[in-house]
Protein backbone atom coordinates (compact mmCIF):
# COMPACT_ATOMS: atom_id res chain seq x y z
CA MET A 1 15.17 -10.23 3.43
CA PRO A 2 14.79 -7.29 6.10
CA ILE A 3 16.47 -5.01 3.80
CA LEU A 4 13.43 -5.54 1.35
CA VAL A 5 10.90 -5.15 4.14
CA GLN A 6 12.41 -1.77 5.20
CA PHE A 7 12.53 -0.78 1.69
CA VAL A 8 8.97 -1.26 1.12
CA GLY A 9 8.18 0.47 4.51
CA LEU A 10 10.02 3.56 3.10
CA VAL A 11 8.32 3.54 0.03
CA ILE A 12 4.76 3.31 2.11
CA GLY A 13 6.08 5.78 4.30
CA ALA A 14 7.20 8.27 1.42
CA LEU A 15 3.43 7.86 -0.17
CA GLY A 16 1.86 8.88 2.98
CA LEU A 17 4.39 11.80 3.20
CA ALA A 18 3.67 12.98 -0.32
CA ALA A 19 -0.20 13.00 0.30
CA VAL A 20 0.24 14.48 3.54
CA LEU A 21 2.50 17.56 1.93
CA SER A 22 1.04 17.61 -1.44
CA PRO A 23 -2.46 16.13 -1.86
CA GLN A 24 -2.95 17.16 -5.45
CA ARG A 25 0.14 15.75 -6.58
CA PHE A 26 -0.74 12.45 -4.81
CA LYS A 27 -4.08 12.32 -6.45
CA LYS A 28 -2.11 11.17 -9.62
CA VAL A 29 -1.48 7.93 -8.11
CA PRO A 30 -5.14 6.86 -8.60
CA ALA A 31 -5.19 8.37 -11.99
CA TYR A 32 -2.44 5.65 -13.01
CA TRP A 33 -4.15 2.67 -11.88
CA ALA A 34 -7.32 3.97 -13.30
CA VAL A 35 -6.14 3.57 -16.97
CA GLY A 36 -7.21 0.31 -18.19
CA ASP A 37 -7.25 -3.14 -16.31
CA LYS A 38 -4.16 -2.53 -13.70
CA ARG A 39 -5.98 -4.55 -11.05
CA LYS A 40 -3.94 -7.64 -11.94
CA LEU A 41 -0.75 -5.85 -11.92
CA ASN A 42 -1.68 -4.20 -8.50
CA GLY A 43 -2.80 -7.61 -7.19
CA PHE A 44 0.51 -9.34 -8.28
CA ILE A 45 2.53 -6.79 -6.76
CA ARG A 46 0.68 -7.33 -3.50
CA LEU A 47 1.09 -10.82 -3.51
CA ILE A 48 4.90 -10.19 -4.17
CA ILE A 49 5.38 -7.67 -1.39
CA GLY A 50 2.96 -10.08 0.81
CA GLY A 51 5.21 -13.05 0.29
CA VAL A 52 8.53 -11.24 1.04
CA PHE A 53 6.94 -10.02 4.50
CA ILE A 54 6.08 -13.74 5.40
CA TRP A 55 9.20 -15.16 4.03
CA SER A 56 11.14 -12.20 6.02
CA ALA A 57 9.27 -12.33 9.33
CA PRO A 58 11.33 -14.44 11.00
CA LEU A 59 14.44 -12.66 10.54
CA CYS A 60 12.63 -9.10 11.60
CA GLY A 61 13.02 -7.64 15.08
CA LEU A 62 9.21 -7.71 15.51
CA SER A 63 8.33 -10.68 13.54
CA GLN A 64 4.70 -10.98 14.43
CA VAL A 65 3.89 -7.75 13.33
CA ILE A 66 5.64 -8.33 9.86
CA LEU A 67 4.24 -11.76 9.46
CA ILE A 68 0.52 -10.13 10.28
CA LEU A 69 1.16 -7.32 7.75
CA GLY A 70 2.27 -9.77 5.41
CA TRP A 71 -0.90 -11.66 5.49
CA ILE A 72 -2.85 -8.51 5.23
CA ILE A 73 -1.10 -7.52 2.02
CA LEU A 74 -1.20 -11.09 0.44
CA ALA A 75 -5.06 -11.30 1.08
CA SER A 76 -5.76 -8.00 -0.42
CA GLY A 77 -3.71 -9.06 -3.45
CA VAL A 78 -5.71 -12.04 -3.92
CA LEU A 79 -8.88 -10.08 -3.61
CA LEU A 80 -7.80 -7.66 -6.04
CA PHE A 81 -8.05 -10.74 -8.70
CA PHE A 82 -11.81 -11.16 -7.77
CA ILE A 83 -13.33 -7.73 -7.46
CA SER A 84 -15.00 -6.29 -10.68
CA LEU A 85 -13.24 -3.62 -13.09
CA GLU A 86 -16.26 -1.22 -12.34
CA ARG A 87 -15.70 -1.61 -8.37
CA PHE A 88 -11.95 -1.24 -8.74
CA HIS A 89 -12.59 2.17 -10.92
CA ALA A 90 -15.28 3.37 -8.76
CA PHE A 91 -12.74 3.13 -5.58
CA LEU A 92 -10.16 4.97 -7.30
CA ALA A 93 -12.44 7.89 -8.64
CA TRP A 94 -13.51 8.32 -4.92
CA LEU A 95 -9.79 8.77 -3.94
CA GLN A 96 -9.43 11.15 -6.59
CA GLY A 97 -12.42 12.90 -5.72
CA LEU A 98 -11.39 13.43 -1.87
CA PRO A 99 -10.85 17.18 -0.53
CA ASP A 100 -7.32 18.01 0.18
CA THR A 101 -8.04 17.90 3.92
CA GLN A 102 -9.12 14.25 3.95
CA CYS A 103 -6.46 13.36 1.77
CA ARG A 104 -3.79 14.70 4.10
CA LEU A 105 -5.86 13.03 6.73
CA PHE A 106 -5.86 9.63 4.89
CA GLY A 107 -2.32 10.30 4.16
CA LEU A 108 -1.34 9.71 7.62
CA ILE A 109 -2.46 6.04 7.48
CA PRO A 110 0.41 5.05 4.90
CA LEU A 111 3.07 7.15 6.80
CA THR A 112 2.16 5.46 9.94
CA MET A 113 2.36 2.10 8.69
CA GLY A 114 5.58 2.77 6.59
CA LEU A 115 7.41 3.85 9.92
CA LEU A 116 6.00 0.86 11.85
CA ILE A 117 7.27 -1.64 9.13
CA LEU A 118 10.60 0.50 9.20
CA TYR A 119 10.78 0.01 13.30
CA ALA A 120 9.49 -3.55 13.10
CA ALA A 121 12.23 -4.83 10.44
């Protein structure tokens, strides 16, 4: 199971790196989620990832870090089922409207989180 955690960390880090290197290309990600009502799909994916993190935490090197991240990801997945579609679309529109400099700075967050997950797993 730690391999799945490492894979998720790699994907998160790659998305952060993509935002840092090419913010225009990265802004297409929120455009995908903005079409229709994909909140539930996004929430379901987060529930699965959070569950994998919680289940895998005892097998990882820094189990407390993975456990805490798992609960945060799980909670964000649950919250996506309860926010309104308008609020979800407003957040995605805000992400798409960020200037390139801010997008690059925000890209450092998932890049750092991905590296932390890789290290902790």
